[in-house]
């Protein structure tokens, strides 16, 4: 909703000065969108909250004083913040051990806010709650100060030629392009590499660009192997869930039809 608001072609005709606070949920907002929001709604304090329904529903929080680009408290704007009081958050590797700071793994948590289990789903409960930890299914890392950075849903990670590509990182780079108002990055089948990085883009009203320009732009922000190999353009808003998240499962269907699973 914030993305649609701050990028609306008529936003300059409205007074948004009465907005005091904005609470962001789920994944971190792409940095380019957040910086636009801070500029368009300058009087508002932005707070990022990350969690899941299974954690009732918050695990970490980034306060408004860290949602800044300048000054002594800058440098954390892309993080999801610190663990909330009474909740312990860690990053686990694939073997269930705590990963070194700065290393990407799965975000896990425990505390009184974590559920006891899913109703009448013992197998799913056992899979999600292992050794006393809630396994979120989100990939992330933690810096030396304890701030959590979300990189992707584990299931949304693209594995291309044996390299892990986090779609959120590619999306963040794509959003830096002035013409892009909405973007989703998915993996599509590739005979040689298993999966190929593919960007689905919607352009802002009045803007025009092409596939080559988007790919070239991404090369300025991220490593070559992470950049999209193909870009498709949509004129209509991308499909959203009831929680406002882009439905990548729907976007993948067109490319994975005829495959047994939506990954290689």
C-alpha atoms as a PDB file:
ATOM      1  CA  UNK A   1       0.000   0.000   0.000  1.00  0.00           C
ATOM      2  CA  UNK A   2       2.854   2.373   0.779  1.00  0.00           C
ATOM      3  CA  UNK A   3       4.494   1.577  -2.551  1.00  0.00           C
ATOM      4  CA  UNK A   4       1.268   2.304  -4.438  1.00  0.00           C
ATOM      5  CA  UNK A   5       0.709   5.506  -2.446  1.00  0.00           C
ATOM      6  CA  UNK A   6       4.127   7.124  -2.750  1.00  0.00           C
ATOM      7  CA  UNK A   7       4.460   6.206  -6.445  1.00  0.00           C
ATOM      8  CA  UNK A   8       0.973   7.361  -7.401  1.00  0.00           C
ATOM      9  CA  UNK A   9       1.265   9.929 -10.225  1.00  0.00           C
ATOM     10  CA  UNK A  10      -0.970  12.377  -8.314  1.00  0.00           C
ATOM     11  CA  UNK A  11       0.598  11.973  -4.871  1.00  0.00           C
ATOM     12  CA  UNK A  12       1.975  15.519  -5.027  1.00  0.00           C
ATOM     13  CA  UNK A  13      -1.580  16.891  -5.128  1.00  0.00           C
ATOM     14  CA  UNK A  14      -2.384  15.573  -1.647  1.00  0.00           C
ATOM     15  CA  UNK A  15      -1.323  16.611   1.840  1.00  0.00           C
ATOM     16  CA  UNK A  16       0.056  13.581   3.712  1.00  0.00           C
ATOM     17  CA  UNK A  17       1.234  15.642   6.663  1.00  0.00           C
ATOM     18  CA  UNK A  18      -1.330  14.138   9.013  1.00  0.00           C
ATOM     19  CA  UNK A  19       0.330  10.688   8.842  1.00  0.00           C
ATOM     20  CA  UNK A  20       2.326  10.279  12.064  1.00  0.00           C
ATOM     21  CA  UNK A  21       3.377   6.635  11.981  1.00  0.00           C
ATOM     22  CA  UNK A  22       3.760   3.876   9.403  1.00  0.00           C
ATOM     23  CA  UNK A  23       4.240   0.295  10.543  1.00  0.00           C
ATOM     24  CA  UNK A  24       5.735  -1.983   7.899  1.00  0.00           C
ATOM     25  CA  UNK A  25       5.149  -5.713   8.161  1.00  0.00           C
ATOM     26  CA  UNK A  26       6.513  -8.895   6.640  1.00  0.00           C
ATOM     27  CA  UNK A  27       9.576  -8.479   4.394  1.00  0.00           C
ATOM     28  CA  UNK A  28      11.613  -5.265   4.455  1.00  0.00           C
ATOM     29  CA  UNK A  29      10.491  -2.682   1.942  1.00  0.00           C
ATOM     30  CA  UNK A  30      12.898  -2.288  -1.011  1.00  0.00           C
ATOM     31  CA  UNK A  31      15.316   0.487  -0.089  1.00  0.00           C
ATOM     32  CA  UNK A  32      14.400   2.622  -3.102  1.00  0.00           C
ATOM     33  CA  UNK A  33      10.707   2.531  -2.183  1.00  0.00           C
ATOM     34  CA  UNK A  34      11.461   3.283   1.461  1.00  0.00           C
ATOM     35  CA  UNK A  35      13.599   6.293   0.598  1.00  0.00           C
ATOM     36  CA  UNK A  36      10.800   7.589  -1.623  1.00  0.00           C
ATOM     37  CA  UNK A  37       8.333   7.119   1.241  1.00  0.00           C
ATOM     38  CA  UNK A  38      10.581   8.986   3.670  1.00  0.00           C
ATOM     39  CA  UNK A  39      10.725  11.856   1.198  1.00  0.00           C
ATOM     40  CA  UNK A  40       7.038  11.911   0.260  1.00  0.00           C
ATOM     41  CA  UNK A  41       5.777  11.496   3.845  1.00  0.00           C
ATOM     42  CA  UNK A  42       8.507  13.403   5.741  1.00  0.00           C
ATOM     43  CA  UNK A  43       6.548  13.913   8.982  1.00  0.00           C
ATOM     44  CA  UNK A  44       5.881  10.211   9.564  1.00  0.00           C
ATOM     45  CA  UNK A  45       7.924   7.819  11.653  1.00  0.00           C
ATOM     46  CA  UNK A  46       8.463   4.447   9.988  1.00  0.00           C
ATOM     47  CA  UNK A  47       8.731   1.254  12.051  1.00  0.00           C
ATOM     48  CA  UNK A  48       9.566  -2.138  10.567  1.00  0.00           C
ATOM     49  CA  UNK A  49       8.122  -5.214  12.316  1.00  0.00           C
ATOM     50  CA  UNK A  50       8.990  -8.748  11.247  1.00  0.00           C
ATOM     51  CA  UNK A  51       7.357 -11.944  12.392  1.00  0.00           C
ATOM     52  CA  UNK A  52       4.781 -14.618  11.684  1.00  0.00           C
ATOM     53  CA  UNK A  53       1.318 -15.588  12.854  1.00  0.00           C
ATOM     54  CA  UNK A  54       3.039 -18.483  14.640  1.00  0.00           C
ATOM     55  CA  UNK A  55       4.885 -15.903  16.777  1.00  0.00           C
ATOM     56  CA  UNK A  56       1.822 -13.856  17.707  1.00  0.00           C
ATOM     57  CA  UNK A  57       3.005 -12.213  15.366  1.00  0.00           C
ATOM     58  CA  UNK A  58       6.253 -10.252  15.975  1.00  0.00           C
ATOM     59  CA  UNK A  59       9.854 -11.462  16.276  1.00  0.00           C
ATOM     60  CA  UNK A  60      11.954  -8.367  15.558  1.00  0.00           C
ATOM     61  CA  UNK A  61      11.432  -4.611  15.374  1.00  0.00           C
ATOM     62  CA  UNK A  62      13.377  -1.723  13.870  1.00  0.00           C
ATOM     63  CA  UNK A  63      12.530   1.553  15.646  1.00  0.00           C
ATOM     64  CA  UNK A  64      11.953   4.799  13.796  1.00  0.00           C
ATOM     65  CA  UNK A  65      15.223   6.355  14.964  1.00  0.00           C
ATOM     66  CA  UNK A  66      17.081   3.685  12.961  1.00  0.00           C
ATOM     67  CA  UNK A  67      14.987   4.291   9.853  1.00  0.00           C
ATOM     68  CA  UNK A  68      17.356   7.016   8.691  1.00  0.00           C
ATOM     69  CA  UNK A  69      19.940   7.431   5.933  1.00  0.00           C
ATOM     70  CA  UNK A  70      22.227   9.903   7.721  1.00  0.00           C
ATOM     71  CA  UNK A  71      23.661  10.484  11.184  1.00  0.00           C
ATOM     72  CA  UNK A  72      25.138   8.242  13.902  1.00  0.00           C
ATOM     73  CA  UNK A  73      22.164   5.844  13.887  1.00  0.00           C
ATOM     74  CA  UNK A  74      22.203   5.273  10.120  1.00  0.00           C
ATOM     75  CA  UNK A  75      23.233   2.019   8.481  1.00  0.00           C
ATOM     76  CA  UNK A  76      20.402  -0.237   9.645  1.00  0.00           C
ATOM     77  CA  UNK A  77      17.632   0.978   7.360  1.00  0.00           C
ATOM     78  CA  UNK A  78      17.515  -2.278   5.380  1.00  0.00           C
ATOM     79  CA  UNK A  79      17.355  -4.493   8.481  1.00  0.00           C
ATOM     80  CA  UNK A  80      14.317  -5.944  10.212  1.00  0.00           C
ATOM     81  CA  UNK A  81      15.656  -4.789  13.561  1.00  0.00           C
ATOM     82  CA  UNK A  82      16.434  -6.530  16.837  1.00  0.00           C
ATOM     83  CA  UNK A  83      14.629  -9.357  18.629  1.00  0.00           C
ATOM     84  CA  UNK A  84      11.729  -8.013  20.679  1.00  0.00           C
ATOM     85  CA  UNK A  85      11.927  -8.362  24.499  1.00  0.00           C
ATOM     86  CA  UNK A  86      11.234 -11.906  25.660  1.00  0.00           C
ATOM     87  CA  UNK A  87      12.035 -13.437  22.289  1.00  0.00           C
ATOM     88  CA  UNK A  88      15.296 -15.044  21.186  1.00  0.00           C
ATOM     89  CA  UNK A  89      16.210 -14.982  17.494  1.00  0.00           C
ATOM     90  CA  UNK A  90      19.118 -16.781  15.811  1.00  0.00           C
ATOM     91  CA  UNK A  91      20.329 -17.789  12.362  1.00  0.00           C
ATOM     92  CA  UNK A  92      20.761 -21.545  11.867  1.00  0.00           C
ATOM     93  CA  UNK A  93      22.735 -23.289   9.146  1.00  0.00           C
ATOM     94  CA  UNK A  94      21.362 -26.309   7.282  1.00  0.00           C
ATOM     95  CA  UNK A  95      22.678 -28.609  10.019  1.00  0.00           C
ATOM     96  CA  UNK A  96      20.722 -26.857  12.751  1.00  0.00           C
ATOM     97  CA  UNK A  97      23.722 -25.041  14.235  1.00  0.00           C
ATOM     98  CA  UNK A  98      23.993 -21.314  14.848  1.00  0.00           C
ATOM     99  CA  UNK A  99      25.591 -19.655  11.823  1.00  0.00           C
ATOM    100  CA  UNK A 100      28.446 -17.139  12.188  1.00  0.00           C
ATOM    101  CA  UNK A 101      27.434 -13.486  12.165  1.00  0.00           C
ATOM    102  CA  UNK A 102      26.999 -12.215   8.630  1.00  0.00           C
ATOM    103  CA  UNK A 103      26.335 -15.694   7.214  1.00  0.00           C
ATOM    104  CA  UNK A 104      22.995 -16.426   5.575  1.00  0.00           C
ATOM    105  CA  UNK A 105      20.885 -19.197   7.074  1.00  0.00           C
ATOM    106  CA  UNK A 106      17.338 -19.804   8.312  1.00  0.00           C
ATOM    107  CA  UNK A 107      15.818 -17.439  10.864  1.00  0.00           C
ATOM    108  CA  UNK A 108      14.670 -19.313  13.965  1.00  0.00           C
ATOM    109  CA  UNK A 109      13.118 -18.082  17.189  1.00  0.00           C
ATOM    110  CA  UNK A 110      11.833 -19.126  20.581  1.00  0.00           C
ATOM    111  CA  UNK A 111       9.945 -17.397  23.362  1.00  0.00           C
ATOM    112  CA  UNK A 112       6.607 -17.182  25.128  1.00  0.00           C
ATOM    113  CA  UNK A 113       5.101 -15.601  22.017  1.00  0.00           C
ATOM    114  CA  UNK A 114       5.744 -18.704  19.875  1.00  0.00           C
ATOM    115  CA  UNK A 115       2.809 -21.043  19.262  1.00  0.00           C
ATOM    116  CA  UNK A 116       2.428 -24.435  20.890  1.00  0.00           C
ATOM    117  CA  UNK A 117       1.565 -26.028  17.545  1.00  0.00           C
ATOM    118  CA  UNK A 118      -0.839 -26.194  14.621  1.00  0.00           C
ATOM    119  CA  UNK A 119      -4.333 -27.408  15.418  1.00  0.00           C
ATOM    120  CA  UNK A 120      -4.650 -31.113  14.557  1.00  0.00           C
ATOM    121  CA  UNK A 121      -1.489 -31.048  12.399  1.00  0.00           C
ATOM    122  CA  UNK A 122       1.114 -32.949  14.419  1.00  0.00           C
ATOM    123  CA  UNK A 123       3.472 -33.645  11.499  1.00  0.00           C
ATOM    124  CA  UNK A 124       3.571 -29.997  10.377  1.00  0.00           C
ATOM    125  CA  UNK A 125       4.027 -28.947  13.998  1.00  0.00           C
ATOM    126  CA  UNK A 126       6.993 -31.287  14.395  1.00  0.00           C
ATOM    127  CA  UNK A 127       8.548 -29.951  11.189  1.00  0.00           C
ATOM    128  CA  UNK A 128       8.098 -26.296  12.177  1.00  0.00           C
ATOM    129  CA  UNK A 129       8.982 -26.583  15.886  1.00  0.00           C
ATOM    130  CA  UNK A 130      12.271 -28.448  16.097  1.00  0.00           C
ATOM    131  CA  UNK A 131      14.383 -28.701  19.248  1.00  0.00           C
ATOM    132  CA  UNK A 132      12.352 -25.906  20.808  1.00  0.00           C
ATOM    133  CA  UNK A 133      12.893 -23.448  17.938  1.00  0.00           C
ATOM    134  CA  UNK A 134      10.335 -22.031  15.509  1.00  0.00           C
ATOM    135  CA  UNK A 135      11.741 -22.507  12.012  1.00  0.00           C
ATOM    136  CA  UNK A 136      10.405 -19.582  10.016  1.00  0.00           C
ATOM    137  CA  UNK A 137      11.331 -20.691   6.503  1.00  0.00           C
ATOM    138  CA  UNK A 138      12.902 -17.265   5.972  1.00  0.00           C
ATOM    139  CA  UNK A 139      16.515 -16.846   4.939  1.00  0.00           C
ATOM    140  CA  UNK A 140      18.446 -14.140   6.765  1.00  0.00           C
ATOM    141  CA  UNK A 141      21.648 -13.032   8.406  1.00  0.00           C
ATOM    142  CA  UNK A 142      22.518 -11.238  11.640  1.00  0.00           C
ATOM    143  CA  UNK A 143      25.157  -8.540  11.968  1.00  0.00           C
ATOM    144  CA  UNK A 144      27.570  -8.033  14.857  1.00  0.00           C
ATOM    145  CA  UNK A 145      25.065  -5.744  16.598  1.00  0.00           C
ATOM    146  CA  UNK A 146      22.299  -8.353  16.514  1.00  0.00           C
ATOM    147  CA  UNK A 147      20.254  -6.724  13.746  1.00  0.00           C
ATOM    148  CA  UNK A 148      18.474  -9.228  11.506  1.00  0.00           C
ATOM    149  CA  UNK A 149      18.479  -8.863   7.716  1.00  0.00           C
ATOM    150  CA  UNK A 150      15.975 -10.884   5.729  1.00  0.00           C
ATOM    151  CA  UNK A 151      17.241 -12.055   2.357  1.00  0.00           C
ATOM    152  CA  UNK A 152      14.449 -14.293   1.053  1.00  0.00           C
ATOM    153  CA  UNK A 153      11.892 -16.936   1.724  1.00  0.00           C
ATOM    154  CA  UNK A 154      13.856 -20.192   1.548  1.00  0.00           C
ATOM    155  CA  UNK A 155      11.409 -21.486  -1.082  1.00  0.00           C
ATOM    156  CA  UNK A 156      11.851 -18.317  -3.191  1.00  0.00           C
ATOM    157  CA  UNK A 157      15.623 -18.641  -3.419  1.00  0.00           C
ATOM    158  CA  UNK A 158      16.831 -19.282  -6.974  1.00  0.00           C
ATOM    159  CA  UNK A 159      19.561 -21.889  -7.433  1.00  0.00           C
ATOM    160  CA  UNK A 160      21.267 -21.211 -10.752  1.00  0.00           C
ATOM    161  CA  UNK A 161      24.356 -23.172 -11.724  1.00  0.00           C
ATOM    162  CA  UNK A 162      24.852 -24.162  -8.085  1.00  0.00           C
ATOM    163  CA  UNK A 163      24.822 -20.539  -6.886  1.00  0.00           C
ATOM    164  CA  UNK A 164      22.215 -19.302  -4.408  1.00  0.00           C
ATOM    165  CA  UNK A 165      20.489 -16.149  -5.655  1.00  0.00           C
ATOM    166  CA  UNK A 166      18.192 -14.380  -3.205  1.00  0.00           C
ATOM    167  CA  UNK A 167      15.268 -12.877  -5.071  1.00  0.00           C
ATOM    168  CA  UNK A 168      14.849 -10.055  -2.550  1.00  0.00           C
ATOM    169  CA  UNK A 169      18.377  -8.804  -3.327  1.00  0.00           C
ATOM    170  CA  UNK A 170      17.708  -8.798  -7.072  1.00  0.00           C
ATOM    171  CA  UNK A 171      14.364  -7.075  -6.534  1.00  0.00           C
ATOM    172  CA  UNK A 172      16.004  -4.402  -4.407  1.00  0.00           C
ATOM    173  CA  UNK A 173      18.494  -3.693  -7.204  1.00  0.00           C
ATOM    174  CA  UNK A 174      15.734  -3.603  -9.818  1.00  0.00           C
ATOM    175  CA  UNK A 175      13.676  -1.180  -7.759  1.00  0.00           C
ATOM    176  CA  UNK A 176      16.575   1.283  -7.905  1.00  0.00           C
ATOM    177  CA  UNK A 177      15.653   1.923 -11.546  1.00  0.00           C
ATOM    178  CA  UNK A 178      13.531   5.079 -11.796  1.00  0.00           C
ATOM    179  CA  UNK A 179      11.043   3.455 -14.157  1.00  0.00           C
ATOM    180  CA  UNK A 180      10.223   0.460 -11.933  1.00  0.00           C
ATOM    181  CA  UNK A 181       7.192   0.698  -9.655  1.00  0.00           C
ATOM    182  CA  UNK A 182       6.673  -3.023  -8.993  1.00  0.00           C
ATOM    183  CA  UNK A 183       8.936  -6.049  -9.354  1.00  0.00           C
ATOM    184  CA  UNK A 184       9.045  -9.757  -8.576  1.00  0.00           C
ATOM    185  CA  UNK A 185      12.012 -12.061  -9.217  1.00  0.00           C
ATOM    186  CA  UNK A 186      11.504 -15.786  -9.684  1.00  0.00           C
ATOM    187  CA  UNK A 187      13.459 -18.781 -10.920  1.00  0.00           C
ATOM    188  CA  UNK A 188      12.383 -20.278 -14.245  1.00  0.00           C
ATOM    189  CA  UNK A 189      13.541 -23.553 -15.826  1.00  0.00           C
ATOM    190  CA  UNK A 190      16.878 -23.635 -17.627  1.00  0.00           C
ATOM    191  CA  UNK A 191      18.309 -26.771 -19.254  1.00  0.00           C
ATOM    192  CA  UNK A 192      21.927 -26.019 -18.383  1.00  0.00           C
ATOM    193  CA  UNK A 193      21.769 -24.069 -15.107  1.00  0.00           C
ATOM    194  CA  UNK A 194      18.707 -25.693 -13.541  1.00  0.00           C
ATOM    195  CA  UNK A 195      17.073 -22.328 -12.885  1.00  0.00           C
ATOM    196  CA  UNK A 196      17.439 -18.906 -14.449  1.00  0.00           C
ATOM    197  CA  UNK A 197      16.864 -15.569 -12.730  1.00  0.00           C
ATOM    198  CA  UNK A 198      13.804 -13.891 -14.226  1.00  0.00           C
ATOM    199  CA  UNK A 199      12.407 -10.452 -13.325  1.00  0.00           C
ATOM    200  CA  UNK A 200       8.768  -9.496 -13.797  1.00  0.00           C
ATOM    201  CA  UNK A 201       8.415  -5.725 -13.846  1.00  0.00           C
ATOM    202  CA  UNK A 202       5.670  -3.118 -13.924  1.00  0.00           C
ATOM    203  CA  UNK A 203       6.720   0.355 -14.954  1.00  0.00           C
ATOM    204  CA  UNK A 204       5.604   3.638 -13.439  1.00  0.00           C
ATOM    205  CA  UNK A 205       3.096   5.648 -15.410  1.00  0.00           C
ATOM    206  CA  UNK A 206       4.753   7.688 -18.133  1.00  0.00           C
ATOM    207  CA  UNK A 207       7.985   5.697 -18.121  1.00  0.00           C
ATOM    208  CA  UNK A 208       9.359   3.436 -20.826  1.00  0.00           C
ATOM    209  CA  UNK A 209      12.362   1.110 -20.868  1.00  0.00           C
ATOM    210  CA  UNK A 210      13.321  -2.324 -22.160  1.00  0.00           C
ATOM    211  CA  UNK A 211      14.786  -5.628 -21.012  1.00  0.00           C
ATOM    212  CA  UNK A 212      18.377  -4.699 -21.861  1.00  0.00           C
ATOM    213  CA  UNK A 213      18.184  -1.472 -19.856  1.00  0.00           C
ATOM    214  CA  UNK A 214      16.857  -3.245 -16.757  1.00  0.00           C
ATOM    215  CA  UNK A 215      19.537  -5.952 -16.917  1.00  0.00           C
ATOM    216  CA  UNK A 216      22.298  -3.397 -17.508  1.00  0.00           C
ATOM    217  CA  UNK A 217      21.033  -1.390 -14.544  1.00  0.00           C
ATOM    218  CA  UNK A 218      21.148  -4.456 -12.266  1.00  0.00           C
ATOM    219  CA  UNK A 219      24.794  -5.058 -13.200  1.00  0.00           C
ATOM    220  CA  UNK A 220      25.596  -1.736 -11.513  1.00  0.00           C
ATOM    221  CA  UNK A 221      24.192  -2.979  -8.196  1.00  0.00           C
ATOM    222  CA  UNK A 222      24.791  -6.713  -7.870  1.00  0.00           C
ATOM    223  CA  UNK A 223      27.142  -9.444  -9.080  1.00  0.00           C
ATOM    224  CA  UNK A 224      26.778 -10.787 -12.614  1.00  0.00           C
ATOM    225  CA  UNK A 225      25.460 -14.216 -11.606  1.00  0.00           C
ATOM    226  CA  UNK A 226      22.651 -12.610  -9.591  1.00  0.00           C
ATOM    227  CA  UNK A 227      21.380 -10.390 -12.397  1.00  0.00           C
ATOM    228  CA  UNK A 228      18.218 -11.277 -14.323  1.00  0.00           C
ATOM    229  CA  UNK A 229      18.813 -13.128 -17.553  1.00  0.00           C
ATOM    230  CA  UNK A 230      15.334 -12.293 -18.766  1.00  0.00           C
ATOM    231  CA  UNK A 231      12.831  -9.545 -17.976  1.00  0.00           C
ATOM    232  CA  UNK A 232       9.122  -9.512 -18.753  1.00  0.00           C
ATOM    233  CA  UNK A 233       6.840  -6.512 -18.397  1.00  0.00           C
ATOM    234  CA  UNK A 234       3.322  -6.327 -16.986  1.00  0.00           C
ATOM    235  CA  UNK A 235       0.890  -3.473 -17.422  1.00  0.00           C
ATOM    236  CA  UNK A 236      -1.440  -4.536 -14.614  1.00  0.00           C
ATOM    237  CA  UNK A 237      -0.501  -4.705 -10.906  1.00  0.00           C
ATOM    238  CA  UNK A 238       1.112  -7.999  -9.917  1.00  0.00           C
ATOM    239  CA  UNK A 239      -1.152 -10.470  -8.065  1.00  0.00           C
ATOM    240  CA  UNK A 240      -1.244  -9.958  -4.305  1.00  0.00           C
ATOM    241  CA  UNK A 241      -2.265 -12.103  -1.365  1.00  0.00           C
ATOM    242  CA  UNK A 242      -4.762 -10.860   1.212  1.00  0.00           C
ATOM    243  CA  UNK A 243      -1.751  -9.698   3.239  1.00  0.00           C
ATOM    244  CA  UNK A 244      -0.482  -7.598   0.326  1.00  0.00           C
ATOM    245  CA  UNK A 245       2.419  -9.864  -0.666  1.00  0.00           C
ATOM    246  CA  UNK A 246       3.136 -10.596  -4.324  1.00  0.00           C
ATOM    247  CA  UNK A 247       1.988 -14.125  -5.146  1.00  0.00           C
ATOM    248  CA  UNK A 248       5.093 -15.623  -6.707  1.00  0.00           C
ATOM    249  CA  UNK A 249       3.444 -19.034  -6.823  1.00  0.00           C
ATOM    250  CA  UNK A 250       0.978 -17.601  -9.339  1.00  0.00           C
ATOM    251  CA  UNK A 251       3.738 -15.949 -11.360  1.00  0.00           C
ATOM    252  CA  UNK A 252       5.738 -19.188 -11.536  1.00  0.00           C
ATOM    253  CA  UNK A 253       2.862 -21.250 -12.943  1.00  0.00           C
ATOM    254  CA  UNK A 254       3.250 -19.894 -16.478  1.00  0.00           C
ATOM    255  CA  UNK A 255       6.914 -20.923 -16.630  1.00  0.00           C
ATOM    256  CA  UNK A 256       6.796 -24.227 -14.747  1.00  0.00           C
ATOM    257  CA  UNK A 257       3.800 -25.768 -16.468  1.00  0.00           C
ATOM    258  CA  UNK A 258       4.592 -29.360 -17.318  1.00  0.00           C
ATOM    259  CA  UNK A 259       7.296 -29.681 -14.652  1.00  0.00           C
ATOM    260  CA  UNK A 260       6.750 -31.889 -11.623  1.00  0.00           C
ATOM    261  CA  UNK A 261       7.836 -29.133  -9.231  1.00  0.00           C
ATOM    262  CA  UNK A 262       8.536 -25.431  -9.420  1.00  0.00           C
ATOM    263  CA  UNK A 263      12.272 -25.810  -8.970  1.00  0.00           C
ATOM    264  CA  UNK A 264      15.207 -27.726 -10.472  1.00  0.00           C
END
